[in-house]
Amino acid sequence: MADLWSIIRRPVISERTMDLMQQNKYTFEVDIKATKPQIREAVEQIFNVEVEKVNTMRVRGKRRRMGRTEGKRPDWKKAIVTVKEGQRIELFEGL
């Protein structure tokens, strides 16, 4: 995965992730095949911060119905990235 933005898909914004931001933890949706070292490198290069720790989890897609047809949303991977004390990711500021 050469492109850094193909690893980091988008930030995850929720009440829980906003509370985690107070502890210098930022949450991203990442590529399902991305490894922790790849996620660390991508966040450090894109946002110019030092990463202390990366926690990842696979999230199962929910089952959804559209009338009689039943479908499933795709599975995805979530990464909680802890940055060094005193550093911030500007993308999340002002939310």
PDB file of N, CA and C in Angstrom:
ATOM      1  N   MET A   1       0.835  -1.180   0.000  1.00  0.00           N
ATOM      2  CA  MET A   1       0.000   0.000   0.000  1.00  0.00           C
ATOM      3  C   MET A   1       0.880   1.242   0.000  1.00  0.00           C
ATOM      4  N   ALA A   2       1.107   1.770  -1.154  1.00  0.00           N
ATOM      5  CA  ALA A   2       2.004   2.903  -1.280  1.00  0.00           C
ATOM      6  C   ALA A   2       1.328   4.214  -0.906  1.00  0.00           C
ATOM      7  N   ASP A   3       0.063   4.393  -1.286  1.00  0.00           N
ATOM      8  CA  ASP A   3      -0.632   5.643  -1.044  1.00  0.00           C
ATOM      9  C   ASP A   3      -1.111   5.698   0.407  1.00  0.00           C
ATOM     10  N   LEU A   4      -0.709   6.747   1.130  1.00  0.00           N
ATOM     11  CA  LEU A   4      -1.060   6.853   2.544  1.00  0.00           C
ATOM     12  C   LEU A   4      -2.554   7.044   2.755  1.00  0.00           C
ATOM     13  N   TRP A   5      -3.197   7.768   1.835  1.00  0.00           N
ATOM     14  CA  TRP A   5      -4.636   8.012   1.981  1.00  0.00           C
ATOM     15  C   TRP A   5      -5.457   6.773   1.643  1.00  0.00           C
ATOM     16  N   SER A   6      -4.856   5.755   1.020  1.00  0.00           N
ATOM     17  CA  SER A   6      -5.598   4.512   0.807  1.00  0.00           C
ATOM     18  C   SER A   6      -5.604   3.676   2.089  1.00  0.00           C
ATOM     19  N   ILE A   7      -4.679   3.944   2.995  1.00  0.00           N
ATOM     20  CA  ILE A   7      -4.656   3.260   4.289  1.00  0.00           C
ATOM     21  C   ILE A   7      -5.659   3.917   5.238  1.00  0.00           C
ATOM     22  N   ILE A   8      -5.576   5.251   5.369  1.00  0.00           N
ATOM     23  CA  ILE A   8      -6.492   6.005   6.224  1.00  0.00           C
ATOM     24  C   ILE A   8      -7.682   6.412   5.370  1.00  0.00           C
ATOM     25  N   ARG A   9      -8.842   5.821   5.621  1.00  0.00           N
ATOM     26  CA  ARG A   9     -10.017   6.126   4.793  1.00  0.00           C
ATOM     27  C   ARG A   9     -10.709   7.410   5.235  1.00  0.00           C
ATOM     28  N   ARG A  10     -11.102   7.474   6.518  1.00  0.00           N
ATOM     29  CA  ARG A  10     -11.816   8.644   7.018  1.00  0.00           C
ATOM     30  C   ARG A  10     -11.794   8.622   8.537  1.00  0.00           C
ATOM     31  N   PRO A  11     -11.985   9.766   9.176  1.00  0.00           N
ATOM     32  CA  PRO A  11     -12.105   9.771  10.637  1.00  0.00           C
ATOM     33  C   PRO A  11     -13.471   9.247  11.059  1.00  0.00           C
ATOM     34  N   VAL A  12     -13.520   8.648  12.234  1.00  0.00           N
ATOM     35  CA  VAL A  12     -14.784   8.175  12.798  1.00  0.00           C
ATOM     36  C   VAL A  12     -15.194   9.181  13.869  1.00  0.00           C
ATOM     37  N   ILE A  13     -16.359   9.803  13.682  1.00  0.00           N
ATOM     38  CA  ILE A  13     -16.834  10.826  14.607  1.00  0.00           C
ATOM     39  C   ILE A  13     -18.070  10.295  15.329  1.00  0.00           C
ATOM     40  N   SER A  14     -17.981  10.192  16.651  1.00  0.00           N
ATOM     41  CA  SER A  14     -19.110   9.786  17.484  1.00  0.00           C
ATOM     42  C   SER A  14     -18.884  10.376  18.875  1.00  0.00           C
ATOM     43  N   GLU A  15     -19.862  10.211  19.756  1.00  0.00           N
ATOM     44  CA  GLU A  15     -19.695  10.719  21.119  1.00  0.00           C
ATOM     45  C   GLU A  15     -18.515  10.038  21.802  1.00  0.00           C
ATOM     46  N   ARG A  16     -18.385   8.746  21.598  1.00  0.00           N
ATOM     47  CA  ARG A  16     -17.297   7.998  22.234  1.00  0.00           C
ATOM     48  C   ARG A  16     -15.936   8.464  21.726  1.00  0.00           C
ATOM     49  N   THR A  17     -15.808   8.658  20.414  1.00  0.00           N
ATOM     50  CA  THR A  17     -14.515   9.085  19.877  1.00  0.00           C
ATOM     51  C   THR A  17     -14.189  10.510  20.303  1.00  0.00           C
ATOM     52  N   MET A  18     -15.217  11.340  20.502  1.00  0.00           N
ATOM     53  CA  MET A  18     -14.964  12.700  20.985  1.00  0.00           C
ATOM     54  C   MET A  18     -14.423  12.663  22.417  1.00  0.00           C
ATOM     55  N   ASP A  19     -14.933  11.741  23.238  1.00  0.00           N
ATOM     56  CA  ASP A  19     -14.409  11.583  24.596  1.00  0.00           C
ATOM     57  C   ASP A  19     -12.973  11.063  24.566  1.00  0.00           C
ATOM     58  N   LEU A  20     -12.670  10.157  23.635  1.00  0.00           N
ATOM     59  CA  LEU A  20     -11.310   9.622  23.518  1.00  0.00           C
ATOM     60  C   LEU A  20     -10.313  10.699  23.092  1.00  0.00           C
ATOM     61  N   MET A  21     -10.783  11.712  22.354  1.00  0.00           N
ATOM     62  CA  MET A  21      -9.883  12.784  21.916  1.00  0.00           C
ATOM     63  C   MET A  21      -9.279  13.526  23.103  1.00  0.00           C
ATOM     64  N   GLN A  22      -9.988  13.576  24.227  1.00  0.00           N
ATOM     65  CA  GLN A  22      -9.470  14.235  25.426  1.00  0.00           C
ATOM     66  C   GLN A  22      -8.247  13.491  25.972  1.00  0.00           C
ATOM     67  N   GLN A  23      -8.119  12.202  25.621  1.00  0.00           N
ATOM     68  CA  GLN A  23      -6.987  11.378  26.060  1.00  0.00           C
ATOM     69  C   GLN A  23      -5.942  11.224  24.954  1.00  0.00           C
ATOM     70  N   ASN A  24      -5.967  12.112  23.955  1.00  0.00           N
ATOM     71  CA  ASN A  24      -5.043  12.080  22.805  1.00  0.00           C
ATOM     72  C   ASN A  24      -5.201  10.808  21.977  1.00  0.00           C
ATOM     73  N   LYS A  25      -6.423  10.295  21.876  1.00  0.00           N
ATOM     74  CA  LYS A  25      -6.701   9.113  21.059  1.00  0.00           C
ATOM     75  C   LYS A  25      -7.642   9.521  19.933  1.00  0.00           C
ATOM     76  N   TYR A  26      -7.259   9.194  18.698  1.00  0.00           N
ATOM     77  CA  TYR A  26      -8.030   9.562  17.519  1.00  0.00           C
ATOM     78  C   TYR A  26      -8.434   8.291  16.783  1.00  0.00           C
ATOM     79  N   THR A  27      -9.651   8.274  16.257  1.00  0.00           N
ATOM     80  CA  THR A  27     -10.207   7.067  15.650  1.00  0.00           C
ATOM     81  C   THR A  27     -10.387   7.259  14.152  1.00  0.00           C
ATOM     82  N   PHE A  28      -9.937   6.264  13.380  1.00  0.00           N
ATOM     83  CA  PHE A  28     -10.026   6.312  11.924  1.00  0.00           C
ATOM     84  C   PHE A  28     -10.588   5.006  11.394  1.00  0.00           C
ATOM     85  N   GLU A  29     -11.295   5.100  10.261  1.00  0.00           N
ATOM     86  CA  GLU A  29     -11.613   3.908   9.486  1.00  0.00           C
ATOM     87  C   GLU A  29     -10.428   3.686   8.566  1.00  0.00           C
ATOM     88  N   VAL A  30      -9.874   2.473   8.576  1.00  0.00           N
ATOM     89  CA  VAL A  30      -8.677   2.176   7.788  1.00  0.00           C
ATOM     90  C   VAL A  30      -8.954   1.009   6.848  1.00  0.00           C
ATOM     91  N   ASP A  31      -8.045   0.810   5.910  1.00  0.00           N
ATOM     92  CA  ASP A  31      -8.160  -0.315   4.981  1.00  0.00           C
ATOM     93  C   ASP A  31      -8.136  -1.616   5.770  1.00  0.00           C
ATOM     94  N   ILE A  32      -8.965  -2.560   5.380  1.00  0.00           N
ATOM     95  CA  ILE A  32      -9.120  -3.804   6.139  1.00  0.00           C
ATOM     96  C   ILE A  32      -7.838  -4.646   6.136  1.00  0.00           C
ATOM     97  N   LYS A  33      -6.957  -4.437   5.151  1.00  0.00           N
ATOM     98  CA  LYS A  33      -5.707  -5.198   5.071  1.00  0.00           C
ATOM     99  C   LYS A  33      -4.524  -4.458   5.700  1.00  0.00           C
ATOM    100  N   ALA A  34      -4.736  -3.243   6.192  1.00  0.00           N
ATOM    101  CA  ALA A  34      -3.644  -2.440   6.743  1.00  0.00           C
ATOM    102  C   ALA A  34      -3.165  -3.022   8.071  1.00  0.00           C
ATOM    103  N   THR A  35      -1.850  -2.978   8.281  1.00  0.00           N
ATOM    104  CA  THR A  35      -1.260  -3.458   9.526  1.00  0.00           C
ATOM    105  C   THR A  35      -1.001  -2.277  10.456  1.00  0.00           C
ATOM    106  N   LYS A  36      -0.722  -2.569  11.725  1.00  0.00           N
ATOM    107  CA  LYS A  36      -0.461  -1.502  12.689  1.00  0.00           C
ATOM    108  C   LYS A  36       0.743  -0.641  12.298  1.00  0.00           C
ATOM    109  N   PRO A  37       1.868  -1.236  11.851  1.00  0.00           N
ATOM    110  CA  PRO A  37       2.990  -0.381  11.422  1.00  0.00           C
ATOM    111  C   PRO A  37       2.634   0.514  10.231  1.00  0.00           C
ATOM    112  N   GLN A  38       1.831   0.020   9.296  1.00  0.00           N
ATOM    113  CA  GLN A  38       1.420   0.842   8.154  1.00  0.00           C
ATOM    114  C   GLN A  38       0.532   1.994   8.612  1.00  0.00           C
ATOM    115  N   ILE A  39      -0.380   1.729   9.546  1.00  0.00           N
ATOM    116  CA  ILE A  39      -1.264   2.772  10.058  1.00  0.00           C
ATOM    117  C   ILE A  39      -0.446   3.819  10.802  1.00  0.00           C
ATOM    118  N   ARG A  40       0.514   3.375  11.617  1.00  0.00           N
ATOM    119  CA  ARG A  40       1.373   4.302  12.358  1.00  0.00           C
ATOM    120  C   ARG A  40       2.130   5.221  11.402  1.00  0.00           C
ATOM    121  N   GLU A  41       2.745   4.649  10.382  1.00  0.00           N
ATOM    122  CA  GLU A  41       3.522   5.436   9.420  1.00  0.00           C
ATOM    123  C   GLU A  41       2.636   6.430   8.676  1.00  0.00           C
ATOM    124  N   ALA A  42       1.443   5.991   8.275  1.00  0.00           N
ATOM    125  CA  ALA A  42       0.536   6.866   7.531  1.00  0.00           C
ATOM    126  C   ALA A  42       0.105   8.057   8.381  1.00  0.00           C
ATOM    127  N   VAL A  43      -0.277   7.821   9.637  1.00  0.00           N
ATOM    128  CA  VAL A  43      -0.720   8.912  10.510  1.00  0.00           C
ATOM    129  C   VAL A  43       0.433   9.865  10.796  1.00  0.00           C
ATOM    130  N   GLU A  44       1.632   9.330  11.049  1.00  0.00           N
ATOM    131  CA  GLU A  44       2.781  10.191  11.331  1.00  0.00           C
ATOM    132  C   GLU A  44       3.123  11.073  10.140  1.00  0.00           C
ATOM    133  N   GLN A  45       3.063  10.536   8.932  1.00  0.00           N
ATOM    134  CA  GLN A  45       3.433  11.320   7.754  1.00  0.00           C
ATOM    135  C   GLN A  45       2.341  12.295   7.333  1.00  0.00           C
ATOM    136  N   ILE A  46       1.083  11.890   7.416  1.00  0.00           N
ATOM    137  CA  ILE A  46      -0.008  12.767   6.970  1.00  0.00           C
ATOM    138  C   ILE A  46      -0.214  13.927   7.939  1.00  0.00           C
ATOM    139  N   PHE A  47      -0.219  13.655   9.241  1.00  0.00           N
ATOM    140  CA  PHE A  47      -0.588  14.665  10.230  1.00  0.00           C
ATOM    141  C   PHE A  47       0.597  15.240  11.002  1.00  0.00           C
ATOM    142  N   ASN A  48       1.821  14.810  10.716  1.00  0.00           N
ATOM    143  CA  ASN A  48       3.038  15.320  11.369  1.00  0.00           C
ATOM    144  C   ASN A  48       2.954  15.231  12.895  1.00  0.00           C
ATOM    145  N   VAL A  49       2.616  14.053  13.410  1.00  0.00           N
ATOM    146  CA  VAL A  49       2.579  13.802  14.848  1.00  0.00           C
ATOM    147  C   VAL A  49       3.359  12.526  15.133  1.00  0.00           C
ATOM    148  N   GLU A  50       3.713  12.328  16.410  1.00  0.00           N
ATOM    149  CA  GLU A  50       4.377  11.095  16.822  1.00  0.00           C
ATOM    150  C   GLU A  50       3.329  10.171  17.437  1.00  0.00           C
ATOM    151  N   VAL A  51       3.263   8.945  16.955  1.00  0.00           N
ATOM    152  CA  VAL A  51       2.269   7.976  17.417  1.00  0.00           C
ATOM    153  C   VAL A  51       2.886   7.109  18.506  1.00  0.00           C
ATOM    154  N   GLU A  52       2.189   7.015  19.642  1.00  0.00           N
ATOM    155  CA  GLU A  52       2.646   6.148  20.728  1.00  0.00           C
ATOM    156  C   GLU A  52       2.144   4.720  20.548  1.00  0.00           C
ATOM    157  N   LYS A  53       0.846   4.586  20.183  1.00  0.00           N
ATOM    158  CA  LYS A  53       0.238   3.265  20.164  1.00  0.00           C
ATOM    159  C   LYS A  53      -0.875   3.228  19.122  1.00  0.00           C
ATOM    160  N   VAL A  54      -1.077   2.044  18.536  1.00  0.00           N
ATOM    161  CA  VAL A  54      -2.170   1.827  17.586  1.00  0.00           C
ATOM    162  C   VAL A  54      -2.950   0.591  18.025  1.00  0.00           C
ATOM    163  N   ASN A  55      -4.254   0.752  18.235  1.00  0.00           N
ATOM    164  CA  ASN A  55      -5.145  -0.369  18.531  1.00  0.00           C
ATOM    165  C   ASN A  55      -6.097  -0.524  17.352  1.00  0.00           C
ATOM    166  N   THR A  56      -6.280  -1.756  16.887  1.00  0.00           N
ATOM    167  CA  THR A  56      -7.166  -1.986  15.746  1.00  0.00           C
ATOM    168  C   THR A  56      -8.244  -2.992  16.109  1.00  0.00           C
ATOM    169  N   MET A  57      -9.357  -2.902  15.411  1.00  0.00           N
ATOM    170  CA  MET A  57     -10.429  -3.875  15.577  1.00  0.00           C
ATOM    171  C   MET A  57     -11.202  -4.010  14.277  1.00  0.00           C
ATOM    172  N   ARG A  58     -11.676  -5.210  14.010  1.00  0.00           N
ATOM    173  CA  ARG A  58     -12.519  -5.466  12.841  1.00  0.00           C
ATOM    174  C   ARG A  58     -13.962  -5.296  13.279  1.00  0.00           C
ATOM    175  N   VAL A  59     -14.712  -4.512  12.522  1.00  0.00           N
ATOM    176  CA  VAL A  59     -16.115  -4.256  12.835  1.00  0.00           C
ATOM    177  C   VAL A  59     -16.962  -4.982  11.800  1.00  0.00           C
ATOM    178  N   ARG A  60     -17.873  -5.807  12.265  1.00  0.00           N
ATOM    179  CA  ARG A  60     -18.754  -6.539  11.357  1.00  0.00           C
ATOM    180  C   ARG A  60     -19.805  -5.611  10.777  1.00  0.00           C
ATOM    181  N   GLY A  61     -20.088  -5.790   9.500  1.00  0.00           N
ATOM    182  CA  GLY A  61     -21.147  -5.017   8.856  1.00  0.00           C
ATOM    183  C   GLY A  61     -22.516  -5.471   9.341  1.00  0.00           C
ATOM    184  N   LYS A  62     -23.418  -4.513   9.478  1.00  0.00           N
ATOM    185  CA  LYS A  62     -24.761  -4.831   9.968  1.00  0.00           C
ATOM    186  C   LYS A  62     -25.633  -5.385   8.850  1.00  0.00           C
ATOM    187  N   ARG A  63     -26.579  -6.217   9.220  1.00  0.00           N
ATOM    188  CA  ARG A  63     -27.564  -6.724   8.263  1.00  0.00           C
ATOM    189  C   ARG A  63     -28.632  -5.656   8.079  1.00  0.00           C
ATOM    190  N   ARG A  64     -29.013  -5.426   6.840  1.00  0.00           N
ATOM    191  CA  ARG A  64     -30.025  -4.424   6.514  1.00  0.00           C
ATOM    192  C   ARG A  64     -31.048  -5.023   5.567  1.00  0.00           C
ATOM    193  N   ARG A  65     -32.278  -4.549   5.678  1.00  0.00           N
ATOM    194  CA  ARG A  65     -33.338  -4.991   4.776  1.00  0.00           C
ATOM    195  C   ARG A  65     -33.858  -3.816   3.981  1.00  0.00           C
ATOM    196  N   MET A  66     -34.147  -4.078   2.712  1.00  0.00           N
ATOM    197  CA  MET A  66     -34.798  -3.111   1.842  1.00  0.00           C
ATOM    198  C   MET A  66     -36.019  -3.815   1.269  1.00  0.00           C
ATOM    199  N   GLY A  67     -37.150  -3.671   1.939  1.00  0.00           N
ATOM    200  CA  GLY A  67     -38.334  -4.425   1.547  1.00  0.00           C
ATOM    201  C   GLY A  67     -38.137  -5.892   1.867  1.00  0.00           C
ATOM    202  N   ARG A  68     -38.297  -6.728   0.872  1.00  0.00           N
ATOM    203  CA  ARG A  68     -38.088  -8.169   1.075  1.00  0.00           C
ATOM    204  C   ARG A  68     -36.627  -8.568   0.960  1.00  0.00           C
ATOM    205  N   THR A  69     -35.856  -7.743   0.310  1.00  0.00           N
ATOM    206  CA  THR A  69     -34.457  -8.073   0.057  1.00  0.00           C
ATOM    207  C   THR A  69     -33.624  -7.811   1.303  1.00  0.00           C
ATOM    208  N   GLU A  70     -32.856  -8.804   1.692  1.00  0.00           N
ATOM    209  CA  GLU A  70     -31.972  -8.639   2.835  1.00  0.00           C
ATOM    210  C   GLU A  70     -30.543  -8.511   2.332  1.00  0.00           C
ATOM    211  N   GLY A  71     -29.815  -7.567   2.902  1.00  0.00           N
ATOM    212  CA  GLY A  71     -28.433  -7.353   2.501  1.00  0.00           C
ATOM    213  C   GLY A  71     -27.548  -7.187   3.717  1.00  0.00           C
ATOM    214  N   LYS A  72     -26.291  -6.889   3.474  1.00  0.00           N
ATOM    215  CA  LYS A  72     -25.331  -6.725   4.562  1.00  0.00           C
ATOM    216  C   LYS A  72     -24.371  -5.616   4.192  1.00  0.00           C
ATOM    217  N   ARG A  73     -24.126  -4.728   5.132  1.00  0.00           N
ATOM    218  CA  ARG A  73     -23.112  -3.706   4.916  1.00  0.00           C
ATOM    219  C   ARG A  73     -21.742  -4.364   5.024  1.00  0.00           C
ATOM    220  N   PRO A  74     -20.743  -3.799   4.361  1.00  0.00           N
ATOM    221  CA  PRO A  74     -19.428  -4.455   4.382  1.00  0.00           C
ATOM    222  C   PRO A  74     -18.748  -4.363   5.751  1.00  0.00           C
ATOM    223  N   ASP A  75     -17.911  -5.367   6.052  1.00  0.00           N
ATOM    224  CA  ASP A  75     -17.076  -5.319   7.247  1.00  0.00           C
ATOM    225  C   ASP A  75     -16.032  -4.228   7.052  1.00  0.00           C
ATOM    226  N   TRP A  76     -15.557  -3.633   8.172  1.00  0.00           N
ATOM    227  CA  TRP A  76     -14.543  -2.593   8.078  1.00  0.00           C
ATOM    228  C   TRP A  76     -13.622  -2.667   9.286  1.00  0.00           C
ATOM    229  N   LYS A  77     -12.529  -1.930   9.211  1.00  0.00           N
ATOM    230  CA  LYS A  77     -11.518  -1.960  10.261  1.00  0.00           C
ATOM    231  C   LYS A  77     -11.397  -0.573  10.873  1.00  0.00           C
ATOM    232  N   LYS A  78     -11.352  -0.536  12.203  1.00  0.00           N
ATOM    233  CA  LYS A  78     -11.245   0.720  12.932  1.00  0.00           C
ATOM    234  C   LYS A  78      -9.909   0.742  13.660  1.00  0.00           C
ATOM    235  N   ALA A  79      -9.238   1.891  13.640  1.00  0.00           N
ATOM    236  CA  ALA A  79      -7.962   2.047  14.339  1.00  0.00           C
ATOM    237  C   ALA A  79      -8.069   3.205  15.316  1.00  0.00           C
ATOM    238  N   ILE A  80      -7.682   2.957  16.570  1.00  0.00           N
ATOM    239  CA  ILE A  80      -7.603   4.016  17.572  1.00  0.00           C
ATOM    240  C   ILE A  80      -6.122   4.321  17.753  1.00  0.00           C
ATOM    241  N   VAL A  81      -5.734   5.541  17.376  1.00  0.00           N
ATOM    242  CA  VAL A  81      -4.327   5.946  17.359  1.00  0.00           C
ATOM    243  C   VAL A  81      -4.078   6.884  18.535  1.00  0.00           C
ATOM    244  N   THR A  82      -3.110   6.535  19.391  1.00  0.00           N
ATOM    245  CA  THR A  82      -2.726   7.381  20.515  1.00  0.00           C
ATOM    246  C   THR A  82      -1.495   8.181  20.114  1.00  0.00           C
ATOM    247  N   VAL A  83      -1.590   9.521  20.202  1.00  0.00           N
ATOM    248  CA  VAL A  83      -0.451  10.378  19.858  1.00  0.00           C
ATOM    249  C   VAL A  83       0.224  10.846  21.142  1.00  0.00           C
ATOM    250  N   LYS A  84       1.471  11.327  21.007  1.00  0.00           N
ATOM    251  CA  LYS A  84       2.248  11.771  22.168  1.00  0.00           C
ATOM    252  C   LYS A  84       1.558  12.933  22.871  1.00  0.00           C
ATOM    253  N   GLU A  85       1.801  13.045  24.157  1.00  0.00           N
ATOM    254  CA  GLU A  85       1.215  14.097  24.982  1.00  0.00           C
ATOM    255  C   GLU A  85       1.579  15.475  24.431  1.00  0.00           C
ATOM    256  N   GLY A  86       0.599  16.345  24.351  1.00  0.00           N
ATOM    257  CA  GLY A  86       0.835  17.706  23.868  1.00  0.00           C
ATOM    258  C   GLY A  86       0.688  17.878  22.369  1.00  0.00           C
ATOM    259  N   GLN A  87       0.524  16.794  21.622  1.00  0.00           N
ATOM    260  CA  GLN A  87       0.348  16.891  20.171  1.00  0.00           C
ATOM    261  C   GLN A  87      -1.115  16.685  19.819  1.00  0.00           C
ATOM    262  N   ARG A  88      -1.539  17.328  18.745  1.00  0.00           N
ATOM    263  CA  ARG A  88      -2.934  17.247  18.312  1.00  0.00           C
ATOM    264  C   ARG A  88      -2.993  17.020  16.812  1.00  0.00           C
ATOM    265  N   ILE A  89      -4.072  16.400  16.359  1.00  0.00           N
ATOM    266  CA  ILE A  89      -4.336  16.251  14.931  1.00  0.00           C
ATOM    267  C   ILE A  89      -5.336  17.335  14.559  1.00  0.00           C
ATOM    268  N   GLU A  90      -4.935  18.228  13.670  1.00  0.00           N
ATOM    269  CA  GLU A  90      -5.738  19.403  13.327  1.00  0.00           C
ATOM    270  C   GLU A  90      -7.063  19.045  12.667  1.00  0.00           C
ATOM    271  N   LEU A  91      -7.143  17.890  12.026  1.00  0.00           N
ATOM    272  CA  LEU A  91      -8.368  17.473  11.350  1.00  0.00           C
ATOM    273  C   LEU A  91      -9.550  17.413  12.315  1.00  0.00           C
ATOM    274  N   PHE A  92      -9.285  17.082  13.578  1.00  0.00           N
ATOM    275  CA  PHE A  92     -10.347  16.910  14.560  1.00  0.00           C
ATOM    276  C   PHE A  92     -10.638  18.178  15.357  1.00  0.00           C
ATOM    277  N   GLU A  93      -9.817  19.204  15.238  1.00  0.00           N
ATOM    278  CA  GLU A  93     -10.002  20.418  16.026  1.00  0.00           C
ATOM    279  C   GLU A  93     -11.250  21.162  15.582  1.00  0.00           C
ATOM    280  N   GLY A  94     -11.965  21.724  16.533  1.00  0.00           N
ATOM    281  CA  GLY A  94     -13.151  22.507  16.227  1.00  0.00           C
ATOM    282  C   GLY A  94     -14.417  21.689  16.074  1.00  0.00           C
ATOM    283  N   LEU A  95     -14.366  20.395  16.390  1.00  0.00           N
ATOM    284  CA  LEU A  95     -15.576  19.568  16.283  1.00  0.00           C
ATOM    285  C   LEU A  95     -16.320  19.558  17.594  1.00  0.00           C
TER     286      LEU A  95
END
